[in-house]
Amino acid sequence: MDNIVTNADFKGRYSLAISDIGEENFNDFITDEQYDLLLNIIGESLYNTYNAAPTTTAWVNLRDGVTGYTDACGYVRNWRGLKYLLVPYIYSKWVDCNALKQVQNGTVKPKYENSEAASEFGRSDLKYVAWNDFVNRLAECYDYLEAYESTYTDFEDYFKFEKTKGIVTKRSIE
């Protein structure tokens, strides 16, 4: 499956400085994180179905979003799509993953000339703000999938991210 997000989607509050050297690594990172998240939302069966037929209406609506659908409680809502969900998720994972670097003789924290390294709290704050945004968007995704439960069959059996992955929010560590 092609990446739903690209480096061009990381702008504004989720901007990342990805050099030409790191672009391939970042694209591989997106591919891995996207795969893991989608499996935890819709499961392998639906993932494989959509991967085999990426133009089905159900997949396009989940991926690109839907305006004015009625949720399970009867409220009219908008679903902005998987790109909207994935950007803060990948951002928080990337910030967390890139605090330390692997080198030949171990793990190091990069030190740059004429700059001051961000504190552990500063880096964690960036990560948790993005993560909390992702958690809110994940709830929107759940509402959308629940509204079309007959289309996204058995999604509740697979939508285990919030139940089993131990989501940590900033509030829980203060």
N, C-alpha and C. Protein backbone atom coordinates (compact mmCIF):
# COMPACT_ATOMS: atom_id res chain seq x y z
N MET A 1 0.85 -1.18 0.00
CA MET A 1 0.00 0.00 0.00
C MET A 1 0.89 1.24 0.00
N ASP A 2 0.54 2.21 -0.80
CA ASP A 2 1.29 3.46 -0.83
C ASP A 2 1.12 4.21 0.48
N ASN A 3 2.11 5.02 0.80
CA ASN A 3 2.00 5.85 2.00
C ASN A 3 0.87 6.86 1.83
N ILE A 4 0.05 6.98 2.84
CA ILE A 4 -1.05 7.94 2.82
C ILE A 4 -0.51 9.34 3.04
N VAL A 5 0.52 9.46 3.86
CA VAL A 5 1.15 10.77 4.10
C VAL A 5 2.56 10.77 3.51
N THR A 6 3.04 11.95 3.19
CA THR A 6 4.40 12.13 2.68
C THR A 6 5.06 13.23 3.50
N ASN A 7 6.34 13.47 3.27
CA ASN A 7 7.02 14.53 4.02
C ASN A 7 6.38 15.88 3.78
N ALA A 8 5.76 16.09 2.64
CA ALA A 8 5.10 17.37 2.34
C ALA A 8 3.92 17.64 3.27
N ASP A 9 3.37 16.61 3.89
CA ASP A 9 2.24 16.79 4.80
C ASP A 9 2.65 17.28 6.18
N PHE A 10 3.93 17.31 6.47
CA PHE A 10 4.42 17.73 7.78
C PHE A 10 4.80 19.20 7.72
N LYS A 11 3.80 20.04 7.99
CA LYS A 11 3.99 21.49 7.96
C LYS A 11 3.19 22.11 9.09
N GLY A 12 3.38 23.38 9.29
CA GLY A 12 2.69 24.05 10.39
C GLY A 12 3.20 23.54 11.72
N ARG A 13 2.28 23.24 12.61
CA ARG A 13 2.70 22.78 13.95
C ARG A 13 3.36 21.41 13.92
N TYR A 14 3.19 20.68 12.83
CA TYR A 14 3.81 19.37 12.69
C TYR A 14 4.94 19.38 11.67
N SER A 15 5.62 20.51 11.54
CA SER A 15 6.71 20.56 10.56
C SER A 15 7.94 19.82 11.08
N LEU A 16 8.57 19.12 10.16
CA LEU A 16 9.79 18.37 10.46
C LEU A 16 10.86 18.76 9.46
N ALA A 17 12.07 18.88 9.93
CA ALA A 17 13.19 19.16 9.04
C ALA A 17 13.77 17.82 8.59
N ILE A 18 13.38 17.41 7.40
CA ILE A 18 13.86 16.15 6.84
C ILE A 18 14.82 16.49 5.72
N SER A 19 16.08 16.15 5.91
CA SER A 19 17.08 16.43 4.87
C SER A 19 16.93 15.42 3.73
N ASP A 20 17.58 15.72 2.62
CA ASP A 20 17.57 14.77 1.49
C ASP A 20 18.14 13.43 1.92
N ILE A 21 19.11 13.46 2.82
CA ILE A 21 19.73 12.23 3.30
C ILE A 21 18.74 11.40 4.10
N GLY A 22 17.91 12.08 4.92
CA GLY A 22 16.98 11.37 5.78
C GLY A 22 15.63 11.09 5.16
N GLU A 23 15.40 11.58 3.94
CA GLU A 23 14.08 11.43 3.32
C GLU A 23 13.70 9.97 3.09
N GLU A 24 14.63 9.17 2.63
CA GLU A 24 14.33 7.75 2.39
C GLU A 24 14.04 7.04 3.71
N ASN A 25 14.83 7.35 4.74
CA ASN A 25 14.58 6.76 6.06
C ASN A 25 13.22 7.17 6.59
N PHE A 26 12.86 8.43 6.38
CA PHE A 26 11.57 8.92 6.86
C PHE A 26 10.43 8.24 6.11
N ASN A 27 10.56 8.06 4.82
CA ASN A 27 9.51 7.36 4.05
C ASN A 27 9.36 5.92 4.51
N ASP A 28 10.46 5.25 4.81
CA ASP A 28 10.39 3.88 5.35
C ASP A 28 9.72 3.88 6.73
N PHE A 29 10.05 4.89 7.52
CA PHE A 29 9.44 5.04 8.85
C PHE A 29 7.93 5.21 8.72
N ILE A 30 7.49 6.07 7.78
CA ILE A 30 6.06 6.28 7.54
C ILE A 30 5.39 4.96 7.15
N THR A 31 6.01 4.23 6.24
CA THR A 31 5.44 2.97 5.78
C THR A 31 5.22 2.00 6.94
N ASP A 32 6.21 1.87 7.80
CA ASP A 32 6.11 0.95 8.94
C ASP A 32 5.05 1.39 9.94
N GLU A 33 5.06 2.68 10.29
CA GLU A 33 4.11 3.19 11.28
C GLU A 33 2.69 3.16 10.75
N GLN A 34 2.52 3.49 9.47
CA GLN A 34 1.20 3.47 8.85
C GLN A 34 0.64 2.05 8.88
N TYR A 35 1.45 1.08 8.52
CA TYR A 35 1.03 -0.32 8.52
C TYR A 35 0.58 -0.75 9.91
N ASP A 36 1.41 -0.47 10.91
CA ASP A 36 1.08 -0.86 12.28
C ASP A 36 -0.22 -0.22 12.76
N LEU A 37 -0.38 1.07 12.48
CA LEU A 37 -1.59 1.76 12.94
C LEU A 37 -2.83 1.22 12.24
N LEU A 38 -2.76 1.04 10.93
CA LEU A 38 -3.93 0.55 10.20
C LEU A 38 -4.34 -0.85 10.64
N LEU A 39 -3.36 -1.70 10.93
CA LEU A 39 -3.71 -3.04 11.43
C LEU A 39 -4.41 -2.95 12.77
N ASN A 40 -4.01 -1.99 13.60
CA ASN A 40 -4.63 -1.83 14.92
C ASN A 40 -5.98 -1.11 14.86
N ILE A 41 -6.33 -0.58 13.71
CA ILE A 41 -7.62 0.10 13.57
C ILE A 41 -8.62 -0.80 12.84
N ILE A 42 -8.22 -1.36 11.71
CA ILE A 42 -9.18 -2.12 10.89
C ILE A 42 -8.86 -3.60 10.78
N GLY A 43 -7.71 -4.03 11.22
CA GLY A 43 -7.36 -5.44 11.17
C GLY A 43 -6.78 -5.86 9.83
N GLU A 44 -6.19 -7.03 9.82
CA GLU A 44 -5.50 -7.53 8.62
C GLU A 44 -6.44 -7.83 7.47
N SER A 45 -7.62 -8.35 7.77
CA SER A 45 -8.55 -8.72 6.70
C SER A 45 -8.96 -7.50 5.88
N LEU A 46 -9.43 -6.45 6.55
CA LEU A 46 -9.82 -5.24 5.82
C LEU A 46 -8.61 -4.56 5.20
N TYR A 47 -7.49 -4.56 5.89
CA TYR A 47 -6.27 -3.97 5.32
C TYR A 47 -5.92 -4.66 4.00
N ASN A 48 -5.93 -5.99 4.00
CA ASN A 48 -5.61 -6.73 2.78
C ASN A 48 -6.64 -6.50 1.68
N THR A 49 -7.91 -6.39 2.07
CA THR A 49 -8.97 -6.10 1.10
C THR A 49 -8.73 -4.75 0.44
N TYR A 50 -8.44 -3.73 1.24
CA TYR A 50 -8.23 -2.39 0.69
C TYR A 50 -6.92 -2.28 -0.06
N ASN A 51 -5.93 -3.03 0.36
CA ASN A 51 -4.66 -3.04 -0.35
C ASN A 51 -4.84 -3.64 -1.74
N ALA A 52 -5.68 -4.67 -1.84
CA ALA A 52 -5.93 -5.32 -3.13
C ALA A 52 -6.82 -4.48 -4.04
N ALA A 53 -7.72 -3.69 -3.45
CA ALA A 53 -8.66 -2.88 -4.24
C ALA A 53 -8.72 -1.47 -3.65
N PRO A 54 -7.68 -0.66 -3.88
CA PRO A 54 -7.60 0.65 -3.22
C PRO A 54 -8.59 1.70 -3.73
N THR A 55 -9.42 1.36 -4.71
CA THR A 55 -10.38 2.34 -5.21
C THR A 55 -11.81 2.06 -4.77
N THR A 56 -12.00 1.07 -3.87
CA THR A 56 -13.35 0.82 -3.37
C THR A 56 -13.85 2.03 -2.60
N THR A 57 -15.14 2.27 -2.65
CA THR A 57 -15.73 3.44 -2.00
C THR A 57 -15.43 3.46 -0.51
N ALA A 58 -15.53 2.31 0.15
CA ALA A 58 -15.29 2.25 1.60
C ALA A 58 -13.86 2.69 1.93
N TRP A 59 -12.88 2.22 1.15
CA TRP A 59 -11.49 2.60 1.41
C TRP A 59 -11.25 4.07 1.10
N VAL A 60 -11.75 4.55 -0.02
CA VAL A 60 -11.57 5.96 -0.39
C VAL A 60 -12.17 6.87 0.67
N ASN A 61 -13.36 6.53 1.17
CA ASN A 61 -14.00 7.35 2.21
C ASN A 61 -13.21 7.33 3.51
N LEU A 62 -12.69 6.18 3.89
CA LEU A 62 -11.87 6.11 5.11
C LEU A 62 -10.57 6.88 4.92
N ARG A 63 -9.95 6.72 3.77
CA ARG A 63 -8.67 7.37 3.50
C ARG A 63 -8.81 8.88 3.31
N ASP A 64 -9.79 9.31 2.51
CA ASP A 64 -9.89 10.71 2.13
C ASP A 64 -10.87 11.52 2.96
N GLY A 65 -11.77 10.86 3.67
CA GLY A 65 -12.72 11.56 4.50
C GLY A 65 -14.10 11.65 3.89
N VAL A 66 -15.07 12.00 4.74
CA VAL A 66 -16.47 12.12 4.35
C VAL A 66 -17.04 13.35 5.06
N THR A 67 -17.78 14.14 4.31
CA THR A 67 -18.42 15.33 4.88
C THR A 67 -19.90 15.03 5.11
N GLY A 68 -20.38 15.34 6.30
CA GLY A 68 -21.80 15.25 6.59
C GLY A 68 -22.36 13.86 6.77
N TYR A 69 -21.60 12.95 7.37
CA TYR A 69 -22.18 11.63 7.67
C TYR A 69 -22.88 11.69 9.02
N THR A 70 -23.79 10.78 9.27
CA THR A 70 -24.53 10.73 10.53
C THR A 70 -23.93 9.64 11.39
N ASP A 71 -23.48 10.02 12.61
CA ASP A 71 -22.85 9.03 13.49
C ASP A 71 -23.89 8.16 14.17
N ALA A 72 -23.44 7.23 14.98
CA ALA A 72 -24.32 6.25 15.63
C ALA A 72 -25.32 6.91 16.58
N CYS A 73 -25.02 8.12 17.06
CA CYS A 73 -25.93 8.83 17.97
C CYS A 73 -26.87 9.78 17.22
N GLY A 74 -26.73 9.86 15.90
CA GLY A 74 -27.60 10.71 15.11
C GLY A 74 -27.08 12.11 14.83
N TYR A 75 -25.83 12.40 15.23
CA TYR A 75 -25.24 13.71 14.98
C TYR A 75 -24.56 13.73 13.61
N VAL A 76 -24.63 14.88 12.95
CA VAL A 76 -23.95 15.02 11.66
C VAL A 76 -22.51 15.41 11.94
N ARG A 77 -21.58 14.69 11.36
CA ARG A 77 -20.15 14.90 11.58
C ARG A 77 -19.39 14.88 10.27
N ASN A 78 -18.15 15.29 10.35
CA ASN A 78 -17.22 15.20 9.23
C ASN A 78 -16.05 14.32 9.64
N TRP A 79 -15.65 13.43 8.77
CA TRP A 79 -14.43 12.64 8.99
C TRP A 79 -13.40 13.15 8.00
N ARG A 80 -12.25 13.61 8.48
CA ARG A 80 -11.25 14.23 7.62
C ARG A 80 -10.29 13.25 6.95
N GLY A 81 -10.36 12.01 7.28
CA GLY A 81 -9.56 11.00 6.60
C GLY A 81 -8.32 10.56 7.36
N LEU A 82 -7.68 9.54 6.83
CA LEU A 82 -6.53 8.94 7.50
C LEU A 82 -5.31 9.84 7.54
N LYS A 83 -5.15 10.71 6.57
CA LYS A 83 -4.01 11.64 6.60
C LYS A 83 -4.11 12.52 7.84
N TYR A 84 -5.32 12.97 8.14
CA TYR A 84 -5.60 13.79 9.32
C TYR A 84 -5.23 13.03 10.59
N LEU A 85 -5.46 11.73 10.60
CA LEU A 85 -5.13 10.89 11.75
C LEU A 85 -3.64 10.58 11.84
N LEU A 86 -3.03 10.30 10.70
CA LEU A 86 -1.65 9.82 10.68
C LEU A 86 -0.60 10.90 10.97
N VAL A 87 -0.84 12.13 10.57
CA VAL A 87 0.20 13.17 10.72
C VAL A 87 0.64 13.34 12.17
N PRO A 88 -0.26 13.59 13.15
CA PRO A 88 0.23 13.72 14.52
C PRO A 88 0.80 12.43 15.09
N TYR A 89 0.26 11.30 14.65
CA TYR A 89 0.77 10.01 15.11
C TYR A 89 2.22 9.80 14.69
N ILE A 90 2.49 9.99 13.41
CA ILE A 90 3.84 9.79 12.90
C ILE A 90 4.79 10.85 13.45
N TYR A 91 4.31 12.07 13.58
CA TYR A 91 5.13 13.14 14.15
C TYR A 91 5.59 12.77 15.55
N SER A 92 4.66 12.34 16.41
CA SER A 92 5.03 12.00 17.79
C SER A 92 6.00 10.83 17.84
N LYS A 93 5.79 9.85 16.98
CA LYS A 93 6.69 8.70 16.92
C LYS A 93 8.08 9.10 16.42
N TRP A 94 8.13 9.98 15.41
CA TRP A 94 9.40 10.43 14.84
C TRP A 94 10.20 11.24 15.85
N VAL A 95 9.54 12.15 16.57
CA VAL A 95 10.23 12.95 17.59
C VAL A 95 10.81 12.04 18.66
N ASP A 96 10.03 11.06 19.08
CA ASP A 96 10.49 10.12 20.10
C ASP A 96 11.65 9.27 19.60
N CYS A 97 11.54 8.79 18.39
CA CYS A 97 12.52 7.86 17.83
C CYS A 97 13.86 8.54 17.51
N ASN A 98 13.85 9.84 17.26
CA ASN A 98 15.07 10.51 16.82
C ASN A 98 15.80 11.29 17.91
N ALA A 99 15.47 11.06 19.16
CA ALA A 99 16.18 11.72 20.24
C ALA A 99 17.59 11.18 20.38
N LEU A 100 17.76 9.90 20.08
CA LEU A 100 19.07 9.25 20.17
C LEU A 100 19.41 8.65 18.82
N LYS A 101 20.70 8.52 18.53
CA LYS A 101 21.16 7.95 17.26
C LYS A 101 22.05 6.75 17.54
N GLN A 102 21.93 5.75 16.68
CA GLN A 102 22.81 4.59 16.76
C GLN A 102 24.06 4.85 15.94
N VAL A 103 25.22 4.63 16.54
CA VAL A 103 26.50 4.74 15.84
C VAL A 103 27.26 3.44 16.05
N GLN A 104 28.42 3.34 15.43
CA GLN A 104 29.17 2.09 15.45
C GLN A 104 29.50 1.61 16.87
N ASN A 105 29.80 2.54 17.75
CA ASN A 105 30.20 2.11 19.09
C ASN A 105 29.13 2.38 20.16
N GLY A 106 27.86 2.47 19.76
CA GLY A 106 26.81 2.60 20.76
C GLY A 106 25.73 3.59 20.36
N THR A 107 25.03 4.08 21.36
CA THR A 107 23.94 5.03 21.16
C THR A 107 24.37 6.38 21.69
N VAL A 108 24.12 7.43 20.92
CA VAL A 108 24.55 8.76 21.31
C VAL A 108 23.40 9.75 21.17
N LYS A 109 23.53 10.86 21.88
CA LYS A 109 22.62 11.98 21.73
C LYS A 109 23.35 13.02 20.89
N PRO A 110 22.81 13.38 19.71
CA PRO A 110 23.52 14.32 18.84
C PRO A 110 23.77 15.67 19.51
N LYS A 111 24.94 16.25 19.23
CA LYS A 111 25.29 17.56 19.73
C LYS A 111 25.70 18.40 18.53
N TYR A 112 25.02 19.50 18.35
CA TYR A 112 25.26 20.33 17.17
C TYR A 112 26.00 21.59 17.56
N GLU A 113 26.89 22.02 16.69
CA GLU A 113 27.68 23.22 16.94
C GLU A 113 26.78 24.45 16.89
N ASN A 114 27.02 25.38 17.82
CA ASN A 114 26.28 26.64 17.90
C ASN A 114 24.78 26.43 18.07
N SER A 115 24.41 25.43 18.78
CA SER A 115 23.00 25.22 19.09
C SER A 115 22.90 24.64 20.49
N GLU A 116 21.71 24.68 21.00
CA GLU A 116 21.47 24.15 22.33
C GLU A 116 20.50 22.99 22.20
N ALA A 117 20.86 21.87 22.73
CA ALA A 117 19.99 20.70 22.65
C ALA A 117 18.72 20.95 23.44
N ALA A 118 17.60 20.50 22.89
CA ALA A 118 16.33 20.60 23.60
C ALA A 118 16.38 19.70 24.82
N SER A 119 15.77 20.15 25.88
CA SER A 119 15.73 19.33 27.09
C SER A 119 14.85 18.12 26.85
N GLU A 120 15.02 17.13 27.68
CA GLU A 120 14.19 15.93 27.61
C GLU A 120 12.72 16.31 27.76
N PHE A 121 12.44 17.26 28.65
CA PHE A 121 11.06 17.70 28.85
C PHE A 121 10.53 18.39 27.59
N GLY A 122 11.34 19.23 26.95
CA GLY A 122 10.92 19.93 25.74
C GLY A 122 10.58 18.97 24.62
N ARG A 123 11.41 17.96 24.44
CA ARG A 123 11.17 16.95 23.42
C ARG A 123 9.92 16.13 23.76
N SER A 124 9.79 15.76 25.01
CA SER A 124 8.63 14.99 25.43
C SER A 124 7.35 15.81 25.27
N ASP A 125 7.44 17.10 25.55
CA ASP A 125 6.27 17.96 25.42
C ASP A 125 5.80 17.99 23.97
N LEU A 126 6.74 18.12 23.03
CA LEU A 126 6.39 18.08 21.60
C LEU A 126 5.68 16.77 21.26
N LYS A 127 6.25 15.69 21.75
CA LYS A 127 5.72 14.36 21.47
C LYS A 127 4.32 14.20 22.05
N TYR A 128 4.13 14.61 23.31
CA TYR A 128 2.84 14.40 23.97
C TYR A 128 1.75 15.30 23.41
N VAL A 129 2.07 16.50 23.00
CA VAL A 129 1.07 17.38 22.39
C VAL A 129 0.56 16.73 21.10
N ALA A 130 1.48 16.24 20.28
CA ALA A 130 1.08 15.57 19.04
C ALA A 130 0.33 14.28 19.35
N TRP A 131 0.79 13.54 20.33
CA TRP A 131 0.15 12.27 20.69
C TRP A 131 -1.28 12.51 21.17
N ASN A 132 -1.48 13.52 22.01
CA ASN A 132 -2.82 13.83 22.50
C ASN A 132 -3.74 14.23 21.36
N ASP A 133 -3.21 14.97 20.40
CA ASP A 133 -3.98 15.34 19.22
C ASP A 133 -4.37 14.08 18.45
N PHE A 134 -3.43 13.17 18.32
CA PHE A 134 -3.71 11.89 17.66
C PHE A 134 -4.81 11.12 18.39
N VAL A 135 -4.77 11.07 19.70
CA VAL A 135 -5.77 10.33 20.48
C VAL A 135 -7.16 10.91 20.22
N ASN A 136 -7.28 12.23 20.19
CA ASN A 136 -8.57 12.86 19.89
C ASN A 136 -9.04 12.49 18.49
N ARG A 137 -8.12 12.49 17.54
CA ARG A 137 -8.47 12.14 16.16
C ARG A 137 -8.81 10.66 16.03
N LEU A 138 -8.18 9.84 16.84
CA LEU A 138 -8.48 8.41 16.85
C LEU A 138 -9.92 8.18 17.30
N ALA A 139 -10.38 8.97 18.26
CA ALA A 139 -11.78 8.87 18.71
C ALA A 139 -12.72 9.26 17.56
N GLU A 140 -12.35 10.25 16.77
CA GLU A 140 -13.15 10.63 15.60
C GLU A 140 -13.19 9.49 14.59
N CYS A 141 -12.06 8.82 14.41
CA CYS A 141 -11.98 7.68 13.50
C CYS A 141 -12.91 6.56 13.98
N TYR A 142 -12.90 6.31 15.27
CA TYR A 142 -13.77 5.28 15.84
C TYR A 142 -15.23 5.62 15.56
N ASP A 143 -15.61 6.89 15.79
CA ASP A 143 -16.99 7.32 15.54
C ASP A 143 -17.38 7.09 14.08
N TYR A 144 -16.47 7.40 13.16
CA TYR A 144 -16.75 7.20 11.74
C TYR A 144 -16.94 5.71 11.44
N LEU A 145 -16.01 4.88 11.90
CA LEU A 145 -16.10 3.44 11.64
C LEU A 145 -17.36 2.83 12.26
N GLU A 146 -17.71 3.31 13.44
CA GLU A 146 -18.90 2.80 14.12
C GLU A 146 -20.17 3.15 13.34
N ALA A 147 -20.19 4.33 12.72
CA ALA A 147 -21.36 4.75 11.95
C ALA A 147 -21.57 3.86 10.73
N TYR A 148 -20.50 3.28 10.21
CA TYR A 148 -20.57 2.41 9.03
C TYR A 148 -20.11 1.00 9.38
N GLU A 149 -20.57 0.53 10.51
CA GLU A 149 -20.15 -0.77 11.03
C GLU A 149 -20.41 -1.92 10.05
N SER A 150 -21.48 -1.82 9.27
CA SER A 150 -21.77 -2.88 8.31
C SER A 150 -20.79 -2.86 7.14
N THR A 151 -20.21 -1.70 6.85
CA THR A 151 -19.21 -1.58 5.78
C THR A 151 -17.83 -2.01 6.27
N TYR A 152 -17.46 -1.53 7.47
CA TYR A 152 -16.15 -1.86 8.04
C TYR A 152 -16.36 -3.00 9.02
N THR A 153 -16.59 -4.17 8.46
CA THR A 153 -16.97 -5.34 9.24
C THR A 153 -15.94 -5.68 10.31
N ASP A 154 -16.44 -6.00 11.47
CA ASP A 154 -15.62 -6.46 12.59
C ASP A 154 -14.55 -5.46 13.02
N PHE A 155 -14.70 -4.18 12.68
CA PHE A 155 -13.64 -3.25 13.06
C PHE A 155 -13.47 -3.19 14.57
N GLU A 156 -14.54 -3.37 15.33
CA GLU A 156 -14.42 -3.31 16.79
C GLU A 156 -13.54 -4.44 17.34
N ASP A 157 -13.49 -5.55 16.63
CA ASP A 157 -12.61 -6.64 17.05
C ASP A 157 -11.14 -6.25 16.89
N TYR A 158 -10.86 -5.36 15.95
CA TYR A 158 -9.49 -4.98 15.64
C TYR A 158 -9.11 -3.62 16.20
N PHE A 159 -10.10 -2.79 16.48
CA PHE A 159 -9.82 -1.43 16.94
C PHE A 159 -9.37 -1.53 18.38
N LYS A 160 -8.15 -2.02 18.55
CA LYS A 160 -7.64 -2.32 19.89
C LYS A 160 -6.57 -1.36 20.34
N PHE A 161 -6.28 -0.38 19.53
CA PHE A 161 -5.17 0.51 19.86
C PHE A 161 -5.35 1.14 21.23
N GLU A 162 -6.50 1.75 21.46
CA GLU A 162 -6.70 2.41 22.73
C GLU A 162 -6.91 1.43 23.88
N LYS A 163 -7.31 0.20 23.55
CA LYS A 163 -7.58 -0.77 24.60
C LYS A 163 -6.33 -1.50 25.07
N THR A 164 -5.38 -1.77 24.16
CA THR A 164 -4.27 -2.64 24.53
C THR A 164 -2.89 -2.03 24.35
N LYS A 165 -2.79 -0.93 23.68
CA LYS A 165 -1.46 -0.39 23.40
C LYS A 165 -0.94 0.55 24.48
N GLY A 166 -1.72 0.78 25.51
CA GLY A 166 -1.24 1.59 26.62
C GLY A 166 -0.95 3.03 26.23
N ILE A 167 -1.93 3.68 25.64
CA ILE A 167 -1.73 5.08 25.25
C ILE A 167 -1.41 5.90 26.48
N VAL A 168 -0.37 6.68 26.38
CA VAL A 168 0.05 7.56 27.47
C VAL A 168 -0.18 8.98 27.02
N THR A 169 -0.92 9.73 27.81
CA THR A 169 -1.12 11.14 27.48
C THR A 169 -0.32 11.98 28.44
N LYS A 170 -0.08 13.21 28.05
CA LYS A 170 0.72 14.11 28.88
C LYS A 170 0.11 14.23 30.27
N ARG A 171 -1.22 14.29 30.33
CA ARG A 171 -1.90 14.45 31.60
C ARG A 171 -1.55 13.31 32.56
N SER A 172 -1.33 12.11 32.05
CA SER A 172 -1.07 10.98 32.93
C SER A 172 0.36 10.95 33.48
N ILE A 173 1.24 11.84 32.99
CA ILE A 173 2.60 11.83 33.50
C ILE A 173 2.92 13.06 34.33
N GLU A 174 1.99 13.98 34.43
CA GLU A 174 2.26 15.20 35.21
C GLU A 174 2.08 14.96 36.68
